[in-house]
C-alpha cells in the first residue's frame, strides 16, 4: 500500500507534539484548531502514550543534560498527540505560532502563552530545524501514516 503523502521540500514540514499536561487538561483540540487556523495542514496525527524507553530514544540528544531524566519521566507520564504539519516555511512559522519555550516570554496569543503551565510543561513541542523536523517525523510516523 502506498501513501498519498509526497514531500515537496523539507522546509514544508515540521513535527509537533501536544504534551501530556495539555492533553490531560483537554487542550489538544483547541491547540490543533489553532494550528489548522494558522494555515498548517495536518499530514499525520496520532495519540500515543510514550514508554520511558521510547521517550529516552526521542530525547537522546539531551542525555548529558541535568534535566534529561525529568524530561523522560514527564514525556512518558501520559498520552501525547504527535503530528506532522505541512506549510511553506513550516518550521519557522510554527516556532512563531507556539511562542518562546518559557511561556513567561511568549508573545500574547501564542500557543505557549495561552496553554503552557511552565517552562518545563510548555504545552507543545516544535521542531527547531528542517533536519530535526524530518528526523522527528520519521521517529513517530511511517510513510504509510502520512496523507
N, C-alpha and C. Protein backbone atom coordinates (compact mmCIF):
# COMPACT_ATOMS: atom_id res chain seq x y z
N UNK A 1 0.84 -1.18 0.00
CA UNK A 1 0.00 0.00 0.00
C UNK A 1 0.88 1.24 0.00
N UNK A 2 0.64 2.14 -0.91
CA UNK A 2 1.42 3.37 -0.97
C UNK A 2 0.69 4.50 -0.28
N UNK A 3 1.46 5.40 0.31
CA UNK A 3 0.90 6.57 0.95
C UNK A 3 0.61 7.64 -0.09
N UNK A 4 -0.35 8.50 0.22
CA UNK A 4 -0.65 9.64 -0.64
C UNK A 4 0.28 10.81 -0.35
N UNK A 5 1.14 10.67 0.66
CA UNK A 5 2.00 11.76 1.09
C UNK A 5 3.20 11.89 0.18
N UNK A 6 3.55 13.13 -0.17
CA UNK A 6 4.70 13.39 -1.02
C UNK A 6 5.35 14.70 -0.57
N UNK A 7 6.61 14.63 -0.14
CA UNK A 7 7.32 15.84 0.28
C UNK A 7 7.57 16.74 -0.92
N UNK A 8 7.36 18.04 -0.77
CA UNK A 8 7.73 19.00 -1.80
C UNK A 8 9.17 19.42 -1.54
N UNK A 9 9.40 19.99 -0.38
CA UNK A 9 10.76 20.27 0.09
C UNK A 9 10.74 20.09 1.60
N UNK A 10 11.92 19.85 2.17
CA UNK A 10 11.97 19.64 3.61
C UNK A 10 11.45 20.85 4.38
N UNK A 11 11.57 22.06 3.86
CA UNK A 11 11.12 23.23 4.60
C UNK A 11 9.60 23.33 4.68
N UNK A 12 8.90 22.41 4.05
CA UNK A 12 7.45 22.44 4.08
C UNK A 12 6.85 21.63 5.22
N UNK A 13 7.65 20.91 6.00
CA UNK A 13 7.09 20.14 7.11
C UNK A 13 7.75 20.51 8.44
N UNK A 14 6.99 20.27 9.49
CA UNK A 14 7.52 20.34 10.84
C UNK A 14 6.83 19.27 11.65
N UNK A 15 7.37 19.00 12.83
CA UNK A 15 6.80 18.00 13.72
C UNK A 15 6.40 18.68 15.02
N UNK A 16 5.28 18.25 15.58
CA UNK A 16 4.85 18.75 16.87
C UNK A 16 4.30 17.63 17.73
N UNK A 17 4.34 17.87 19.02
CA UNK A 17 3.65 17.01 19.98
C UNK A 17 2.88 17.93 20.91
N UNK A 18 1.62 17.61 21.15
CA UNK A 18 0.88 18.22 22.25
C UNK A 18 1.27 17.40 23.46
N UNK A 19 1.86 18.05 24.45
CA UNK A 19 2.49 17.36 25.57
C UNK A 19 1.46 16.85 26.59
N UNK A 20 1.90 15.92 27.46
CA UNK A 20 0.96 15.25 28.37
C UNK A 20 0.05 16.16 29.18
N UNK A 21 0.57 17.26 29.74
CA UNK A 21 -0.29 18.10 30.58
C UNK A 21 -1.35 18.81 29.77
N UNK A 22 -1.04 19.16 28.51
CA UNK A 22 -2.02 19.82 27.65
C UNK A 22 -3.10 18.83 27.21
N UNK A 23 -2.72 17.58 26.97
CA UNK A 23 -3.70 16.55 26.64
C UNK A 23 -4.60 16.30 27.85
N UNK A 24 -3.99 16.16 29.03
CA UNK A 24 -4.75 15.92 30.25
C UNK A 24 -5.72 17.06 30.56
N UNK A 25 -5.31 18.28 30.27
CA UNK A 25 -6.15 19.46 30.52
C UNK A 25 -7.22 19.65 29.44
N UNK A 26 -7.27 18.73 28.49
CA UNK A 26 -8.25 18.77 27.38
C UNK A 26 -8.07 19.98 26.48
N UNK A 27 -6.81 20.36 26.27
CA UNK A 27 -6.48 21.48 25.39
C UNK A 27 -6.03 21.05 24.00
N UNK A 28 -5.93 19.76 23.75
CA UNK A 28 -5.42 19.28 22.47
C UNK A 28 -6.27 19.75 21.30
N UNK A 29 -7.57 19.69 21.42
CA UNK A 29 -8.45 20.12 20.33
C UNK A 29 -8.28 21.60 20.01
N UNK A 30 -8.23 22.42 21.05
CA UNK A 30 -8.05 23.86 20.85
C UNK A 30 -6.70 24.16 20.22
N UNK A 31 -5.67 23.44 20.64
CA UNK A 31 -4.33 23.64 20.09
C UNK A 31 -4.30 23.22 18.61
N UNK A 32 -4.85 22.07 18.29
CA UNK A 32 -4.90 21.61 16.90
C UNK A 32 -5.72 22.56 16.04
N UNK A 33 -6.79 23.11 16.59
CA UNK A 33 -7.60 24.08 15.86
C UNK A 33 -6.78 25.33 15.53
N UNK A 34 -6.00 25.81 16.48
CA UNK A 34 -5.14 26.97 16.23
C UNK A 34 -4.12 26.68 15.13
N UNK A 35 -3.58 25.47 15.17
CA UNK A 35 -2.59 25.07 14.16
C UNK A 35 -3.22 25.09 12.77
N UNK A 36 -4.38 24.49 12.63
CA UNK A 36 -5.05 24.49 11.33
C UNK A 36 -5.46 25.90 10.91
N UNK A 37 -5.96 26.69 11.84
CA UNK A 37 -6.37 28.06 11.51
C UNK A 37 -5.19 28.94 11.11
N UNK A 38 -3.98 28.54 11.49
CA UNK A 38 -2.77 29.28 11.10
C UNK A 38 -2.26 28.83 9.72
N UNK A 39 -3.00 27.97 9.06
CA UNK A 39 -2.65 27.58 7.69
C UNK A 39 -1.85 26.30 7.56
N UNK A 40 -1.64 25.58 8.65
CA UNK A 40 -0.92 24.31 8.59
C UNK A 40 -1.89 23.20 8.20
N UNK A 41 -1.40 22.28 7.37
CA UNK A 41 -2.16 21.09 7.02
C UNK A 41 -1.61 19.94 7.85
N UNK A 42 -2.50 19.20 8.50
CA UNK A 42 -2.07 18.05 9.29
C UNK A 42 -1.88 16.87 8.34
N UNK A 43 -0.64 16.44 8.22
CA UNK A 43 -0.25 15.35 7.32
C UNK A 43 -0.39 14.00 8.01
N UNK A 44 -0.10 13.97 9.32
CA UNK A 44 -0.20 12.74 10.11
C UNK A 44 -0.54 13.14 11.53
N UNK A 45 -1.33 12.30 12.21
CA UNK A 45 -1.79 12.62 13.55
C UNK A 45 -2.08 11.34 14.31
N UNK A 46 -1.61 11.26 15.56
CA UNK A 46 -1.97 10.13 16.40
C UNK A 46 -1.77 10.45 17.87
N UNK A 47 -2.56 9.78 18.67
CA UNK A 47 -2.44 9.87 20.12
C UNK A 47 -1.71 8.62 20.58
N UNK A 48 -0.68 8.82 21.39
CA UNK A 48 0.16 7.70 21.83
C UNK A 48 0.69 7.99 23.23
N UNK A 49 0.85 6.95 24.00
CA UNK A 49 1.48 7.07 25.31
C UNK A 49 2.91 6.56 25.16
N UNK A 50 3.88 7.46 25.17
CA UNK A 50 5.28 7.07 25.01
C UNK A 50 5.74 6.28 26.23
N UNK A 51 6.40 5.18 25.99
CA UNK A 51 7.06 4.47 27.08
C UNK A 51 8.29 5.27 27.49
N UNK A 52 8.82 5.01 28.67
CA UNK A 52 10.03 5.70 29.11
C UNK A 52 11.18 5.43 28.13
N UNK A 53 11.29 4.21 27.65
CA UNK A 53 12.39 3.90 26.72
C UNK A 53 12.21 4.62 25.38
N UNK A 54 11.00 4.75 24.91
CA UNK A 54 10.73 5.45 23.66
C UNK A 54 10.99 6.96 23.83
N UNK A 55 10.57 7.52 24.96
CA UNK A 55 10.84 8.93 25.24
C UNK A 55 12.34 9.17 25.34
N UNK A 56 13.05 8.24 25.98
CA UNK A 56 14.51 8.36 26.12
C UNK A 56 15.18 8.34 24.74
N UNK A 57 14.68 7.51 23.86
CA UNK A 57 15.22 7.44 22.50
C UNK A 57 14.98 8.75 21.75
N UNK A 58 13.77 9.29 21.87
CA UNK A 58 13.43 10.53 21.18
C UNK A 58 14.28 11.69 21.68
N UNK A 59 14.51 11.75 23.00
CA UNK A 59 15.25 12.86 23.60
C UNK A 59 16.71 12.53 23.87
N UNK A 60 17.26 11.55 23.19
CA UNK A 60 18.65 11.12 23.40
C UNK A 60 19.64 12.28 23.25
N UNK A 61 19.33 13.26 22.44
CA UNK A 61 20.20 14.42 22.24
C UNK A 61 20.45 15.17 23.56
N UNK A 62 19.55 15.02 24.51
CA UNK A 62 19.67 15.71 25.80
C UNK A 62 20.23 14.82 26.91
N UNK A 63 20.72 13.66 26.55
CA UNK A 63 21.12 12.65 27.55
C UNK A 63 22.11 13.17 28.59
N UNK A 64 23.00 14.04 28.23
CA UNK A 64 24.02 14.53 29.17
C UNK A 64 23.55 15.74 29.97
N UNK A 65 22.35 16.20 29.74
CA UNK A 65 21.86 17.40 30.42
C UNK A 65 21.20 17.02 31.75
N UNK A 66 21.27 17.92 32.74
CA UNK A 66 20.75 17.59 34.07
C UNK A 66 19.24 17.33 34.12
N UNK A 67 18.49 17.87 33.16
CA UNK A 67 17.03 17.71 33.17
C UNK A 67 16.55 16.47 32.41
N UNK A 68 17.48 15.69 31.86
CA UNK A 68 17.14 14.56 30.99
C UNK A 68 16.15 13.59 31.63
N UNK A 69 16.44 13.07 32.81
CA UNK A 69 15.56 12.07 33.43
C UNK A 69 14.20 12.67 33.75
N UNK A 70 14.17 13.90 34.20
CA UNK A 70 12.90 14.58 34.47
C UNK A 70 12.07 14.71 33.18
N UNK A 71 12.74 15.01 32.08
CA UNK A 71 12.08 15.12 30.78
C UNK A 71 11.49 13.78 30.36
N UNK A 72 12.25 12.71 30.53
CA UNK A 72 11.77 11.37 30.17
C UNK A 72 10.56 11.00 31.02
N UNK A 73 10.65 11.24 32.33
CA UNK A 73 9.54 10.93 33.23
C UNK A 73 8.29 11.71 32.84
N UNK A 74 8.47 12.98 32.55
CA UNK A 74 7.36 13.85 32.16
C UNK A 74 6.72 13.41 30.84
N UNK A 75 7.55 13.18 29.81
CA UNK A 75 7.00 12.85 28.49
C UNK A 75 6.39 11.45 28.44
N UNK A 76 6.69 10.61 29.41
CA UNK A 76 6.08 9.28 29.46
C UNK A 76 4.99 9.21 30.54
N UNK A 77 4.60 10.35 31.09
CA UNK A 77 3.61 10.39 32.18
C UNK A 77 2.17 10.28 31.71
N UNK A 78 1.93 10.48 30.43
CA UNK A 78 0.57 10.41 29.89
C UNK A 78 0.61 10.50 28.38
N UNK A 79 -0.55 10.35 27.75
CA UNK A 79 -0.59 10.39 26.28
C UNK A 79 -0.18 11.75 25.72
N UNK A 80 0.37 11.70 24.53
CA UNK A 80 0.69 12.90 23.74
C UNK A 80 -0.04 12.79 22.41
N UNK A 81 -0.17 13.90 21.73
CA UNK A 81 -0.68 13.91 20.36
C UNK A 81 0.51 14.28 19.48
N UNK A 82 0.90 13.38 18.60
CA UNK A 82 2.01 13.62 17.67
C UNK A 82 1.44 13.99 16.32
N UNK A 83 2.10 14.93 15.63
CA UNK A 83 1.60 15.36 14.32
C UNK A 83 2.73 15.85 13.43
N UNK A 84 2.58 15.58 12.16
CA UNK A 84 3.41 16.19 11.12
C UNK A 84 2.55 17.26 10.49
N UNK A 85 3.12 18.45 10.35
CA UNK A 85 2.41 19.59 9.79
C UNK A 85 3.09 20.04 8.51
N UNK A 86 2.30 20.51 7.58
CA UNK A 86 2.84 20.98 6.30
C UNK A 86 2.39 22.42 6.05
N UNK A 87 3.33 23.22 5.61
CA UNK A 87 3.09 24.62 5.24
C UNK A 87 4.40 25.15 4.70
N UNK A 88 4.36 26.10 3.82
CA UNK A 88 5.59 26.76 3.37
C UNK A 88 6.28 27.36 4.60
N UNK A 89 7.60 27.18 4.72
CA UNK A 89 8.37 27.65 5.88
C UNK A 89 7.82 27.13 7.19
N UNK A 90 7.48 25.85 7.20
CA UNK A 90 6.77 25.23 8.33
C UNK A 90 7.48 25.40 9.66
N UNK A 91 8.78 25.12 9.72
CA UNK A 91 9.50 25.16 11.00
C UNK A 91 9.47 26.57 11.58
N UNK A 92 9.86 27.56 10.81
CA UNK A 92 9.92 28.92 11.36
C UNK A 92 8.52 29.47 11.66
N UNK A 93 7.56 29.20 10.79
CA UNK A 93 6.20 29.68 11.05
C UNK A 93 5.60 29.01 12.29
N UNK A 94 5.89 27.73 12.48
CA UNK A 94 5.35 27.03 13.65
C UNK A 94 6.01 27.53 14.93
N UNK A 95 7.31 27.78 14.88
CA UNK A 95 8.00 28.32 16.07
C UNK A 95 7.38 29.67 16.48
N UNK A 96 7.01 30.49 15.51
CA UNK A 96 6.34 31.76 15.82
C UNK A 96 4.97 31.52 16.44
N UNK A 97 4.23 30.55 15.92
CA UNK A 97 2.89 30.25 16.41
C UNK A 97 2.91 29.73 17.85
N UNK A 98 3.90 28.93 18.19
CA UNK A 98 3.91 28.35 19.54
C UNK A 98 4.50 29.30 20.58
N UNK A 99 5.40 30.18 20.19
CA UNK A 99 5.98 31.13 21.13
C UNK A 99 7.22 30.60 21.82
N UNK A 100 7.78 31.43 22.66
CA UNK A 100 9.03 31.11 23.37
C UNK A 100 8.86 29.89 24.27
N UNK A 101 9.96 29.15 24.46
CA UNK A 101 9.96 27.96 25.31
C UNK A 101 9.44 28.29 26.70
N UNK A 102 9.89 29.39 27.25
CA UNK A 102 9.40 29.85 28.54
C UNK A 102 8.13 30.67 28.29
N UNK A 103 6.97 30.18 28.74
CA UNK A 103 5.73 30.88 28.44
C UNK A 103 5.68 32.31 28.98
N UNK A 104 6.48 32.62 30.00
CA UNK A 104 6.54 33.99 30.51
C UNK A 104 7.12 34.95 29.48
N UNK A 105 7.90 34.41 28.54
CA UNK A 105 8.49 35.23 27.47
C UNK A 105 7.75 35.09 26.14
N UNK A 106 6.72 34.29 26.11
CA UNK A 106 5.97 34.04 24.87
C UNK A 106 5.07 35.23 24.55
N UNK A 107 5.01 35.57 23.28
CA UNK A 107 4.14 36.66 22.82
C UNK A 107 2.68 36.33 23.13
N UNK A 108 1.89 37.33 23.51
CA UNK A 108 0.46 37.10 23.72
C UNK A 108 -0.18 36.49 22.47
N UNK A 109 -1.09 35.56 22.68
CA UNK A 109 -1.77 34.92 21.57
C UNK A 109 -1.07 33.69 21.02
N UNK A 110 0.16 33.43 21.45
CA UNK A 110 0.84 32.21 21.02
C UNK A 110 0.31 31.02 21.82
N UNK A 111 0.54 29.83 21.32
CA UNK A 111 0.05 28.62 21.98
C UNK A 111 0.63 28.50 23.39
N UNK A 112 1.92 28.72 23.53
CA UNK A 112 2.52 28.59 24.86
C UNK A 112 2.05 29.69 25.81
N UNK A 113 1.86 30.90 25.33
CA UNK A 113 1.35 31.97 26.20
C UNK A 113 -0.03 31.60 26.74
N UNK A 114 -0.83 30.94 25.93
CA UNK A 114 -2.21 30.63 26.30
C UNK A 114 -2.41 29.28 26.99
N UNK A 115 -1.53 28.31 26.73
CA UNK A 115 -1.78 26.95 27.24
C UNK A 115 -0.68 26.38 28.12
N UNK A 116 0.51 26.94 28.12
CA UNK A 116 1.61 26.35 28.90
C UNK A 116 1.43 26.60 30.39
N UNK A 117 1.87 25.63 31.18
CA UNK A 117 1.85 25.76 32.64
C UNK A 117 3.16 26.34 33.16
N UNK A 118 4.26 26.00 32.50
CA UNK A 118 5.59 26.41 32.96
C UNK A 118 6.58 26.19 31.83
N UNK A 119 7.83 26.53 32.07
CA UNK A 119 8.85 26.28 31.07
C UNK A 119 8.99 24.78 30.81
N UNK A 120 8.91 23.97 31.85
CA UNK A 120 9.02 22.51 31.69
C UNK A 120 7.76 21.92 31.07
N UNK A 121 6.62 22.44 31.45
CA UNK A 121 5.33 21.95 30.93
C UNK A 121 4.75 23.03 30.02
N UNK A 122 5.34 23.11 28.81
CA UNK A 122 5.03 24.22 27.92
C UNK A 122 4.09 23.86 26.78
N UNK A 123 3.25 22.86 26.99
CA UNK A 123 2.11 22.51 26.13
C UNK A 123 2.45 21.81 24.82
N UNK A 124 3.45 22.30 24.10
CA UNK A 124 3.75 21.72 22.79
C UNK A 124 5.25 21.66 22.51
N UNK A 125 5.61 20.70 21.71
CA UNK A 125 6.96 20.61 21.16
C UNK A 125 6.88 21.07 19.72
N UNK A 126 7.92 21.75 19.26
CA UNK A 126 8.03 22.11 17.85
C UNK A 126 9.46 21.91 17.39
N UNK A 127 9.62 21.29 16.24
CA UNK A 127 10.96 21.06 15.68
C UNK A 127 11.71 22.39 15.56
N UNK A 128 13.03 22.33 15.79
CA UNK A 128 13.83 23.55 15.74
C UNK A 128 14.59 23.74 14.44
N UNK A 129 14.50 22.77 13.53
CA UNK A 129 15.18 22.88 12.23
C UNK A 129 14.50 21.95 11.23
N UNK A 130 14.74 22.21 9.94
CA UNK A 130 14.20 21.32 8.91
C UNK A 130 14.72 19.90 9.09
N UNK A 131 16.01 19.79 9.40
CA UNK A 131 16.61 18.47 9.58
C UNK A 131 15.96 17.72 10.75
N UNK A 132 15.78 18.41 11.89
CA UNK A 132 15.15 17.76 13.04
C UNK A 132 13.68 17.46 12.79
N UNK A 133 13.00 18.29 12.02
CA UNK A 133 11.61 18.01 11.68
C UNK A 133 11.51 16.67 10.95
N UNK A 134 12.41 16.43 10.02
CA UNK A 134 12.42 15.17 9.27
C UNK A 134 12.72 13.99 10.20
N UNK A 135 13.74 14.14 11.04
CA UNK A 135 14.13 13.07 11.98
C UNK A 135 12.97 12.76 12.92
N UNK A 136 12.37 13.79 13.49
CA UNK A 136 11.28 13.60 14.45
C UNK A 136 10.04 13.02 13.79
N UNK A 137 9.72 13.48 12.61
CA UNK A 137 8.58 12.92 11.88
C UNK A 137 8.80 11.44 11.59
N UNK A 138 10.00 11.09 11.15
CA UNK A 138 10.32 9.69 10.85
C UNK A 138 10.32 8.83 12.11
N UNK A 139 10.66 9.39 13.25
CA UNK A 139 10.66 8.66 14.51
C UNK A 139 9.24 8.22 14.88
N UNK A 140 8.27 9.09 14.64
CA UNK A 140 6.89 8.84 15.08
C UNK A 140 5.96 8.26 14.03
N UNK A 141 6.28 8.45 12.75
CA UNK A 141 5.33 8.05 11.71
C UNK A 141 6.02 7.30 10.58
N UNK A 142 5.38 6.22 10.15
CA UNK A 142 5.83 5.53 8.94
C UNK A 142 5.31 6.29 7.73
N UNK A 143 5.83 5.98 6.57
CA UNK A 143 5.38 6.61 5.33
C UNK A 143 3.89 6.35 5.11
N UNK A 144 3.41 5.17 5.48
CA UNK A 144 2.01 4.81 5.28
C UNK A 144 1.05 5.55 6.21
N UNK A 145 1.57 6.26 7.18
CA UNK A 145 0.72 7.00 8.11
C UNK A 145 0.61 8.48 7.73
N UNK A 146 1.15 8.87 6.58
CA UNK A 146 1.19 10.27 6.16
C UNK A 146 0.29 10.45 4.94
N UNK A 147 -0.58 11.46 5.03
CA UNK A 147 -1.54 11.69 3.95
C UNK A 147 -1.62 13.14 3.57
